N, C-alpha and C. Protein backbone atom coordinates (compact mmCIF):
# COMPACT_ATOMS: atom_id res chain seq x y z
N UNK A 1 37.25 40.06 27.36
CA UNK A 1 37.07 39.97 26.11
C UNK A 1 37.17 38.52 25.39
N UNK A 2 36.24 37.97 24.90
CA UNK A 2 36.14 36.39 24.27
C UNK A 2 37.14 35.97 23.88
N UNK A 3 37.55 34.72 23.63
CA UNK A 3 38.83 34.53 22.90
C UNK A 3 38.37 34.10 21.35
N UNK A 4 39.25 34.72 20.59
CA UNK A 4 39.13 34.66 18.96
C UNK A 4 39.17 33.40 18.85
N UNK A 5 37.69 32.99 17.94
CA UNK A 5 37.60 31.66 17.45
C UNK A 5 38.10 31.65 16.10
N UNK A 6 38.76 30.01 15.55
CA UNK A 6 38.91 30.09 14.23
C UNK A 6 38.21 29.23 13.52
N UNK A 7 37.92 29.80 12.49
CA UNK A 7 36.89 28.87 11.49
C UNK A 7 37.62 28.79 9.93
N UNK A 8 37.35 27.64 9.50
CA UNK A 8 37.58 27.09 8.01
C UNK A 8 36.53 27.00 7.15
N UNK A 9 36.56 28.09 6.45
CA UNK A 9 35.54 28.10 5.40
C UNK A 9 35.76 27.34 3.91
N UNK A 10 35.36 26.48 3.66
CA UNK A 10 35.36 25.39 2.42
C UNK A 10 34.41 25.67 1.42
N UNK A 11 34.96 25.76 0.21
CA UNK A 11 33.98 25.48 -0.92
C UNK A 11 34.69 24.61 -2.07
N UNK A 12 33.98 24.61 -3.42
CA UNK A 12 35.07 23.71 -4.35
C UNK A 12 36.31 24.55 -4.55
N UNK A 13 36.37 25.68 -4.93
CA UNK A 13 37.48 26.46 -5.43
C UNK A 13 38.13 27.62 -4.55
N UNK A 14 37.37 27.90 -3.24
CA UNK A 14 37.70 28.79 -2.56
C UNK A 14 38.05 30.08 -3.20
N UNK A 15 36.86 30.40 -4.29
CA UNK A 15 36.98 31.94 -4.67
C UNK A 15 35.61 32.57 -4.13
N UNK A 16 34.67 32.30 -4.76
CA UNK A 16 33.09 32.97 -4.78
C UNK A 16 32.59 32.83 -3.44
N UNK A 17 31.96 31.36 -3.60
CA UNK A 17 31.19 30.85 -2.45
C UNK A 17 31.90 31.04 -1.26
N UNK A 18 32.82 30.66 -0.80
CA UNK A 18 33.79 30.27 0.36
C UNK A 18 33.50 31.86 0.77
N UNK A 19 33.66 32.99 -0.10
CA UNK A 19 33.94 34.54 0.06
C UNK A 19 32.48 35.02 0.84
N UNK A 20 31.39 34.50 -0.02
CA UNK A 20 30.20 35.00 0.69
C UNK A 20 29.79 34.25 2.06
N UNK A 21 30.38 33.24 2.17
CA UNK A 21 30.16 32.63 3.27
C UNK A 21 30.67 33.05 4.82
N UNK A 22 32.09 33.28 4.24
CA UNK A 22 32.88 33.94 5.07
C UNK A 22 32.59 35.10 5.63
N UNK A 23 32.08 36.63 4.84
CA UNK A 23 31.69 37.27 5.09
C UNK A 23 30.29 37.43 5.85
N UNK A 24 29.42 36.25 5.52
CA UNK A 24 28.10 36.22 6.17
C UNK A 24 28.44 36.02 7.79
N UNK A 25 29.36 34.83 7.85
CA UNK A 25 29.70 34.16 9.40
C UNK A 25 30.11 35.36 10.22
N UNK A 26 31.27 36.11 9.32
CA UNK A 26 32.02 37.10 10.43
C UNK A 26 30.84 38.18 10.64
N UNK A 27 30.22 38.75 10.01
CA UNK A 27 29.14 39.59 10.13
C UNK A 27 28.30 39.15 11.50
N UNK A 28 27.99 37.84 11.00
CA UNK A 28 26.75 37.44 11.89
C UNK A 28 27.51 37.15 13.61
N UNK A 29 28.68 36.65 13.58
CA UNK A 29 29.35 36.63 14.81
C UNK A 29 29.97 37.95 15.67
N UNK A 30 30.22 38.82 14.63
CA UNK A 30 30.37 40.16 15.18
C UNK A 30 29.26 40.68 15.75
N UNK A 31 28.27 40.52 15.27
CA UNK A 31 26.88 41.11 15.66
C UNK A 31 26.57 40.44 17.17
N UNK A 32 27.27 39.48 17.49
CA UNK A 32 26.97 38.51 18.67
C UNK A 32 27.81 38.81 19.49
N UNK A 33 28.91 39.56 19.09
CA UNK A 33 30.28 39.85 20.16
C UNK A 33 31.34 38.94 20.04
N UNK A 34 31.26 38.06 19.34
CA UNK A 34 32.18 36.76 18.82
C UNK A 34 33.55 36.99 18.08
N UNK A 35 34.76 37.39 18.54
CA UNK A 35 35.66 37.50 17.91
C UNK A 35 36.01 36.41 16.88
N UNK A 36 36.13 36.59 15.61
CA UNK A 36 36.60 35.46 14.89
C UNK A 36 37.81 35.81 13.75
N UNK A 37 38.38 34.76 13.28
CA UNK A 37 39.57 34.33 12.56
C UNK A 37 39.12 33.88 11.41
N UNK A 38 38.65 33.85 10.37
CA UNK A 38 38.18 32.91 9.18
C UNK A 38 39.33 33.05 8.18
N UNK A 39 39.45 31.41 8.23
CA UNK A 39 40.57 31.34 6.57
C UNK A 39 39.49 30.55 5.83
N UNK A 40 39.98 31.28 4.19
CA UNK A 40 39.08 30.55 3.22
C UNK A 40 40.27 29.10 2.54
N UNK A 41 39.54 28.08 2.05
CA UNK A 41 40.13 27.17 1.44
C UNK A 41 39.48 26.31 0.34
N UNK A 42 39.97 25.45 -0.46
CA UNK A 42 39.21 24.54 -1.16
C UNK A 42 38.79 23.38 -0.29
N UNK A 43 37.66 22.70 -0.72
CA UNK A 43 37.05 21.62 0.27
C UNK A 43 38.32 20.53 0.25
N UNK A 44 39.27 20.34 -0.77
CA UNK A 44 40.54 19.19 -0.93
C UNK A 44 41.48 19.77 -0.14
N UNK A 45 41.34 20.89 0.60
CA UNK A 45 42.38 21.44 1.56
C UNK A 45 42.25 21.51 2.79
N UNK A 46 40.94 21.25 3.17
CA UNK A 46 40.50 21.03 4.42
C UNK A 46 41.43 20.36 5.34
N UNK A 47 41.69 18.88 5.10
CA UNK A 47 42.55 18.09 5.58
C UNK A 47 43.85 18.69 6.30
N UNK A 48 44.30 19.53 5.24
CA UNK A 48 45.83 19.74 5.55
C UNK A 48 45.74 21.18 6.32
N UNK A 49 44.63 21.61 6.50
CA UNK A 49 44.63 22.91 6.74
C UNK A 49 43.78 22.98 8.38
N UNK A 50 42.99 21.91 8.86
CA UNK A 50 42.35 21.97 9.72
C UNK A 50 42.94 22.10 11.29
N UNK A 51 44.33 21.63 11.13
CA UNK A 51 45.12 21.80 12.75
C UNK A 51 44.82 23.28 13.29
N UNK A 52 44.56 23.53 14.36
CA UNK A 52 44.33 24.68 14.93
C UNK A 52 43.34 25.46 14.85
N UNK A 53 42.10 25.05 14.08
CA UNK A 53 40.90 25.82 14.01
C UNK A 53 39.75 25.11 14.97
N UNK A 54 38.59 25.67 15.32
CA UNK A 54 37.96 25.41 16.12
C UNK A 54 36.56 24.82 15.47
N UNK A 55 36.43 25.15 14.27
CA UNK A 55 35.12 24.69 13.37
C UNK A 55 35.53 24.94 11.92
N UNK A 56 34.79 24.14 11.04
CA UNK A 56 34.97 23.94 9.29
C UNK A 56 33.44 24.11 8.96
N UNK A 57 33.29 25.16 8.45
CA UNK A 57 31.97 25.30 7.50
C UNK A 57 32.35 25.13 6.10
N UNK A 58 31.27 24.30 5.58
CA UNK A 58 31.85 24.05 4.20
C UNK A 58 30.16 24.00 3.34
N UNK A 59 30.38 24.10 1.85
CA UNK A 59 29.17 24.35 1.20
C UNK A 59 29.07 22.76 0.24
N UNK A 60 30.36 22.09 0.82
CA UNK A 60 30.26 20.88 -0.21
C UNK A 60 31.00 19.77 0.89
N UNK A 61 30.82 18.58 0.35
CA UNK A 61 31.43 17.54 1.76
C UNK A 61 32.79 17.32 1.72
N UNK A 62 33.34 17.37 3.06
CA UNK A 62 34.73 17.04 3.24
C UNK A 62 34.85 16.13 3.98
N UNK A 63 35.77 15.73 4.52
CA UNK A 63 35.82 14.32 5.67
C UNK A 63 35.09 14.74 6.84
N UNK A 64 34.72 13.74 7.59
CA UNK A 64 34.03 13.99 8.60
C UNK A 64 34.82 13.79 9.83
N UNK A 65 35.90 12.94 9.34
CA UNK A 65 36.64 12.51 10.93
C UNK A 65 37.74 13.41 10.72
N UNK A 66 37.58 15.04 11.20
CA UNK A 66 38.65 16.10 11.32
C UNK A 66 39.15 16.26 12.52
N UNK A 67 38.24 15.65 13.81
CA UNK A 67 38.85 16.31 14.82
C UNK A 67 38.20 17.48 15.54
N UNK A 68 37.74 18.37 14.41
CA UNK A 68 36.64 19.44 14.70
C UNK A 68 35.35 19.25 14.37
N UNK A 69 34.39 20.17 14.87
CA UNK A 69 33.19 20.04 14.37
C UNK A 69 33.16 20.52 13.06
N UNK A 70 32.22 20.10 12.04
CA UNK A 70 32.47 20.20 10.56
C UNK A 70 30.52 20.77 10.27
N UNK A 71 30.33 21.47 9.61
CA UNK A 71 28.69 22.11 9.30
C UNK A 71 29.08 22.49 7.94
N UNK A 72 28.31 21.35 7.08
CA UNK A 72 27.88 21.44 5.77
C UNK A 72 26.70 22.26 5.52
N UNK A 73 26.60 23.41 4.66
CA UNK A 73 25.36 24.07 4.93
C UNK A 73 25.45 25.09 3.41
N UNK A 74 24.14 25.30 2.62
CA UNK A 74 24.05 25.99 1.84
C UNK A 74 23.24 27.50 1.89
N UNK A 75 22.87 27.36 3.37
CA UNK A 75 22.08 28.34 3.83
C UNK A 75 22.64 30.15 3.93
N UNK A 76 23.88 30.23 3.99
CA UNK A 76 24.38 31.57 3.62
C UNK A 76 24.22 31.96 2.08
N UNK A 77 24.13 31.12 1.21
CA UNK A 77 23.92 30.85 -0.10
C UNK A 77 22.27 31.50 -0.56
N UNK A 78 21.50 30.16 -0.06
CA UNK A 78 20.39 30.53 -0.11
C UNK A 78 19.25 30.96 0.72
N UNK A 79 19.65 31.24 1.79
CA UNK A 79 18.86 32.52 2.51
C UNK A 79 17.97 31.33 3.52
N UNK A 80 17.94 30.23 3.22
CA UNK A 80 17.14 29.36 3.95
C UNK A 80 17.83 28.42 4.85
N UNK A 81 17.23 28.77 6.32
CA UNK A 81 17.69 28.40 7.38
C UNK A 81 19.23 28.91 7.63
N UNK A 82 19.42 30.06 7.16
CA UNK A 82 20.51 31.02 7.71
C UNK A 82 20.55 31.10 9.06
N UNK A 83 19.60 31.66 9.86
CA UNK A 83 19.53 31.94 11.43
C UNK A 83 19.97 30.46 11.99
N UNK A 84 19.23 29.52 11.56
CA UNK A 84 19.31 28.48 12.45
C UNK A 84 20.97 27.89 11.95
N UNK A 85 21.43 28.10 10.70
CA UNK A 85 22.99 27.66 10.77
C UNK A 85 24.01 28.32 11.70
N UNK A 86 23.47 29.52 11.69
CA UNK A 86 24.11 30.71 12.78
C UNK A 86 24.17 30.39 14.27
N UNK A 87 23.13 30.04 14.47
CA UNK A 87 22.89 29.37 16.20
C UNK A 87 24.09 28.00 16.19
N UNK A 88 23.92 27.28 15.19
CA UNK A 88 24.41 26.10 15.25
C UNK A 88 25.92 26.51 15.22
N UNK A 89 26.31 27.26 14.36
CA UNK A 89 27.77 27.73 14.38
C UNK A 89 28.29 28.47 16.24
N UNK A 90 27.11 29.08 16.43
CA UNK A 90 27.77 29.72 17.67
C UNK A 90 27.57 28.23 18.86
N UNK A 91 26.86 27.31 18.81
CA UNK A 91 26.92 26.27 19.41
C UNK A 91 28.07 25.69 19.46
N UNK A 92 28.32 25.12 18.25
CA UNK A 92 29.71 24.40 17.86
C UNK A 92 30.97 25.25 18.42
N UNK A 93 30.90 26.45 18.51
CA UNK A 93 31.88 27.58 18.65
C UNK A 93 32.10 27.26 20.26
N UNK A 94 31.10 27.00 20.91
CA UNK A 94 30.68 27.28 22.53
C UNK A 94 30.68 28.34 23.08
N UNK A 95 30.37 29.47 22.10
CA UNK A 95 30.23 30.73 22.43
C UNK A 95 28.87 31.41 23.07
C-alpha cells in the first residue's frame, strides 16, 4: 500500500472554501488509489502548520518559501482546470 500523503488545504477562514477543496482532493486521490490525510486551515496559519506536510493547496496567496510545494488554485471552486490541477497535485506528491 502506498504511503499516506499529507496535504494542508488553506483558504481565508478555513470554513467553507477549504472544505470544498479538501473533499474534492480527497475524492480525486482516492479514485487514483492515493491515500491522503488532509488538514484544513486559514491562510494565515499555513507557515505554522506546514511542518510534516507533503503539499499545500490554497485558494489564496500564502508564503512561497515554505519548503514544500504550494499550489494556489480556484479550480475546485470554478471547475475550470480541475483535472489539470489534480494531475499537478499527483505530480507534486510524487504519486
